Amino acid sequence: MPTAAPTPEGPRASHLLGHPPDARPLLLNCDDLGLNEWVNLAVIESIQQGIAASCSLMTPCHAAPHALRLA
C-alpha cells in the first residue's frame, strides 16, 4: 500500500532560490576541469554563460595550473 511522502515544514529550497514553489531546478556541475586546456576553456565558458553552476578541479592533471589561472 503506497503511503504519502512526508511534507516538509516551510518553503522548499527551490522557492527560497527565487523559483516557483513547485519548480525542480537542475544544477549542472562540470567535471574534469584540469584535464586539458580545451576542457578548461569549455568549463569556464559554460559557467560564464550560466549553463553550469559549478565545476570540479582534477588537481593531479597536467592542465590544473591552467584551470586555476582561468578561474
Protein backbone atom coordinates (compact mmCIF):
# COMPACT_ATOMS: atom_id res chain seq x y z
CA MET A 1 0.00 0.00 0.00
CA PRO A 2 1.61 3.31 -1.07
CA THR A 3 1.98 5.99 1.53
CA ALA A 4 2.30 9.71 1.03
CA ALA A 5 5.75 11.17 1.43
CA PRO A 6 6.17 13.42 4.44
CA THR A 7 5.72 17.07 3.66
CA PRO A 8 8.45 19.40 4.88
CA GLU A 9 7.53 22.34 7.03
CA GLY A 10 8.22 25.69 5.42
CA PRO A 11 9.24 26.63 1.87
CA ARG A 12 11.23 24.36 -0.43
CA ALA A 13 14.81 25.25 -1.32
CA SER A 14 13.83 25.98 -4.93
CA HIS A 15 11.35 28.58 -3.72
CA LEU A 16 13.99 30.17 -1.48
CA LEU A 17 16.21 30.49 -4.58
CA GLY A 18 13.53 32.52 -6.36
CA HIS A 19 11.85 29.74 -8.33
CA PRO A 20 8.14 28.89 -8.16
CA PRO A 21 7.30 26.66 -5.17
CA ASP A 22 6.73 23.60 -7.38
CA ALA A 23 9.89 24.08 -9.52
CA ARG A 24 12.53 21.38 -9.73
CA PRO A 25 15.68 23.25 -10.84
CA LEU A 26 18.55 21.39 -12.44
CA LEU A 27 22.01 22.45 -11.27
CA LEU A 28 24.78 21.31 -13.60
CA ASN A 29 28.31 20.63 -12.38
CA CYS A 30 31.14 20.41 -14.92
CA ASP A 31 33.55 17.60 -14.13
CA ASP A 32 37.13 17.22 -15.33
CA LEU A 33 38.34 20.83 -15.01
CA GLY A 34 42.11 20.49 -15.33
CA LEU A 35 42.02 17.52 -17.72
CA ASN A 36 43.30 19.61 -20.64
CA GLU A 37 43.20 23.20 -21.89
CA TRP A 38 40.18 22.67 -24.16
CA VAL A 39 38.12 21.21 -21.32
CA ASN A 40 39.17 24.11 -19.10
CA LEU A 41 38.02 26.67 -21.65
CA ALA A 42 34.71 24.88 -22.17
CA VAL A 43 34.03 24.62 -18.42
CA ILE A 44 34.79 28.30 -17.79
CA GLU A 45 32.63 29.34 -20.75
CA SER A 46 29.76 27.14 -19.52
CA ILE A 47 29.85 28.78 -16.11
CA GLN A 48 30.16 32.31 -17.52
CA GLN A 49 27.16 31.73 -19.80
CA GLY A 50 25.07 30.41 -16.92
CA ILE A 51 24.82 26.88 -18.31
CA ALA A 52 26.66 25.25 -15.40
CA ALA A 53 26.55 26.20 -11.74
CA SER A 54 29.85 24.72 -10.56
CA CYS A 55 32.85 22.61 -11.52
CA SER A 56 35.24 20.06 -10.07
CA LEU A 57 39.00 20.57 -10.42
CA MET A 58 41.16 17.50 -11.03
CA THR A 59 44.37 18.68 -9.36
CA PRO A 60 46.64 15.77 -10.46
CA CYS A 61 46.04 16.50 -14.16
CA HIS A 62 48.60 18.37 -16.25
CA ALA A 63 46.23 21.27 -17.09
CA ALA A 64 45.24 22.06 -13.48
CA PRO A 65 47.55 25.12 -13.31
CA HIS A 66 45.93 26.44 -16.50
CA ALA A 67 42.49 25.92 -14.96
CA LEU A 68 43.50 27.82 -11.83
CA ARG A 69 44.73 30.74 -13.92
CA LEU A 70 41.42 30.85 -15.78
CA ALA A 71 39.40 30.70 -12.58
